[in-house]
Amino acid sequence: MKTVKFERELNIARSEFIKSFNSLVGILRMNGLSRKVAVGLALMALIGGRASIRNASITFGLNYANLLKALENLEDAWSDYLA
């Protein structure tokens, strides 16, 4: 019984993470970045921390506040997935 509940919760967390990740990539793509660069920046958020995101926003001319909000959503979904 616990295994079924755990698998259901894991699937929900995985789905939320994918949705947040795709949303972030979409935001980056709307700013004219290629898919490859957008995915790279989204992954950088998971491993590089906020300082690297600030540098990326400056380098690529992105709105830092909007990017940070999207990254926070991704980070929350990632934390839920890992929990």
C-alpha atoms as a PDB file:
ATOM      1  CA  MET A   1       0.000   0.000   0.000  1.00  0.00           C
ATOM      2  CA  LYS A   2       2.794   2.430   0.928  1.00  0.00           C
ATOM      3  CA  THR A   3       4.638   1.608  -2.291  1.00  0.00           C
ATOM      4  CA  VAL A   4       1.642   2.555  -4.419  1.00  0.00           C
ATOM      5  CA  LYS A   5       1.241   5.856  -2.551  1.00  0.00           C
ATOM      6  CA  PHE A   6       4.973   6.569  -2.844  1.00  0.00           C
ATOM      7  CA  GLU A   7       4.936   5.838  -6.579  1.00  0.00           C
ATOM      8  CA  ARG A   8       1.911   8.086  -7.063  1.00  0.00           C
ATOM      9  CA  GLU A   9       3.603  10.931  -5.150  1.00  0.00           C
ATOM     10  CA  LEU A  10       6.804  10.396  -7.127  1.00  0.00           C
ATOM     11  CA  ASN A  11       4.881  10.555 -10.411  1.00  0.00           C
ATOM     12  CA  ILE A  12       3.181  13.790  -9.323  1.00  0.00           C
ATOM     13  CA  ALA A  13       6.528  15.319  -8.311  1.00  0.00           C
ATOM     14  CA  ARG A  14       8.130  14.175 -11.573  1.00  0.00           C
ATOM     15  CA  SER A  15       5.264  15.662 -13.558  1.00  0.00           C
ATOM     16  CA  GLU A  16       5.537  18.997 -11.707  1.00  0.00           C
ATOM     17  CA  PHE A  17       9.293  19.073 -12.270  1.00  0.00           C
ATOM     18  CA  ILE A  18       8.920  18.414 -15.993  1.00  0.00           C
ATOM     19  CA  LYS A  19       6.208  21.061 -16.255  1.00  0.00           C
ATOM     20  CA  SER A  20       8.374  23.632 -14.425  1.00  0.00           C
ATOM     21  CA  PHE A  21      11.435  22.737 -16.491  1.00  0.00           C
ATOM     22  CA  ASN A  22       9.525  23.056 -19.761  1.00  0.00           C
ATOM     23  CA  SER A  23       8.029  26.346 -18.605  1.00  0.00           C
ATOM     24  CA  LEU A  24      11.486  27.726 -17.874  1.00  0.00           C
ATOM     25  CA  VAL A  25      12.829  26.528 -21.219  1.00  0.00           C
ATOM     26  CA  GLY A  26       9.817  28.155 -22.891  1.00  0.00           C
ATOM     27  CA  ILE A  27      10.519  31.475 -21.192  1.00  0.00           C
ATOM     28  CA  LEU A  28      14.129  31.321 -22.301  1.00  0.00           C
ATOM     29  CA  ARG A  29      13.123  30.394 -25.852  1.00  0.00           C
ATOM     30  CA  MET A  30      10.723  33.359 -26.014  1.00  0.00           C
ATOM     31  CA  ASN A  31      13.741  35.544 -25.312  1.00  0.00           C
ATOM     32  CA  GLY A  32      15.309  34.303 -28.530  1.00  0.00           C
ATOM     33  CA  LEU A  33      17.619  31.628 -27.151  1.00  0.00           C
ATOM     34  CA  SER A  34      18.106  28.369 -28.979  1.00  0.00           C
ATOM     35  CA  ARG A  35      16.677  25.243 -27.374  1.00  0.00           C
ATOM     36  CA  LYS A  36      20.175  23.976 -26.612  1.00  0.00           C
ATOM     37  CA  VAL A  37      21.149  27.178 -24.776  1.00  0.00           C
ATOM     38  CA  ALA A  38      17.790  27.349 -22.975  1.00  0.00           C
ATOM     39  CA  VAL A  39      18.095  23.777 -21.705  1.00  0.00           C
ATOM     40  CA  GLY A  40      21.687  24.470 -20.645  1.00  0.00           C
ATOM     41  CA  LEU A  41      20.640  27.524 -18.649  1.00  0.00           C
ATOM     42  CA  ALA A  42      17.767  25.626 -17.040  1.00  0.00           C
ATOM     43  CA  LEU A  43      20.132  22.848 -16.008  1.00  0.00           C
ATOM     44  CA  MET A  44      22.615  25.412 -14.730  1.00  0.00           C
ATOM     45  CA  ALA A  45      19.962  26.538 -12.269  1.00  0.00           C
ATOM     46  CA  LEU A  46      19.973  23.098 -10.700  1.00  0.00           C
ATOM     47  CA  ILE A  47      23.740  22.871 -10.321  1.00  0.00           C
ATOM     48  CA  GLY A  48      25.142  26.390 -10.496  1.00  0.00           C
ATOM     49  CA  GLY A  49      23.231  28.432  -7.961  1.00  0.00           C
ATOM     50  CA  ARG A  50      21.817  31.928  -8.153  1.00  0.00           C
ATOM     51  CA  ALA A  51      25.095  33.734  -8.904  1.00  0.00           C
ATOM     52  CA  SER A  52      25.430  31.896 -12.201  1.00  0.00           C
ATOM     53  CA  ILE A  53      21.826  32.783 -13.014  1.00  0.00           C
ATOM     54  CA  ARG A  54      22.558  36.480 -12.460  1.00  0.00           C
ATOM     55  CA  ASN A  55      25.525  36.225 -14.813  1.00  0.00           C
ATOM     56  CA  ALA A  56      23.414  34.387 -17.402  1.00  0.00           C
ATOM     57  CA  SER A  57      20.683  37.035 -17.244  1.00  0.00           C
ATOM     58  CA  ILE A  58      23.246  39.742 -17.906  1.00  0.00           C
ATOM     59  CA  THR A  59      25.027  37.800 -20.649  1.00  0.00           C
ATOM     60  CA  PHE A  60      21.838  36.925 -22.547  1.00  0.00           C
ATOM     61  CA  GLY A  61      19.909  40.121 -21.772  1.00  0.00           C
ATOM     62  CA  LEU A  62      17.146  38.350 -19.812  1.00  0.00           C
ATOM     63  CA  ASN A  63      14.888  39.870 -17.177  1.00  0.00           C
ATOM     64  CA  TYR A  64      16.503  38.680 -13.943  1.00  0.00           C
ATOM     65  CA  ALA A  65      13.353  38.907 -11.793  1.00  0.00           C
ATOM     66  CA  ASN A  66      11.259  36.843 -14.218  1.00  0.00           C
ATOM     67  CA  LEU A  67      14.056  34.348 -14.719  1.00  0.00           C
ATOM     68  CA  LEU A  68      14.572  34.031 -10.973  1.00  0.00           C
ATOM     69  CA  LYS A  69      10.856  33.382 -10.386  1.00  0.00           C
ATOM     70  CA  ALA A  70      10.813  30.655 -13.040  1.00  0.00           C
ATOM     71  CA  LEU A  71      13.945  29.148 -11.529  1.00  0.00           C
ATOM     72  CA  GLU A  72      12.419  29.199  -8.051  1.00  0.00           C
ATOM     73  CA  ASN A  73       9.456  27.223  -9.399  1.00  0.00           C
ATOM     74  CA  LEU A  74      11.874  24.759 -10.964  1.00  0.00           C
ATOM     75  CA  GLU A  75      13.897  24.517  -7.763  1.00  0.00           C
ATOM     76  CA  ASP A  76      10.745  23.848  -5.723  1.00  0.00           C
ATOM     77  CA  ALA A  77       9.638  21.133  -8.142  1.00  0.00           C
ATOM     78  CA  TRP A  78      13.140  19.603  -8.058  1.00  0.00           C
ATOM     79  CA  SER A  79      13.135  19.606  -4.233  1.00  0.00           C
ATOM     80  CA  ASP A  80       9.715  17.930  -4.210  1.00  0.00           C
ATOM     81  CA  TYR A  81      10.982  15.329  -6.674  1.00  0.00           C
ATOM     82  CA  LEU A  82      14.031  14.550  -4.535  1.00  0.00           C
ATOM     83  CA  ALA A  83      12.048  14.371  -1.283  1.00  0.00           C
END
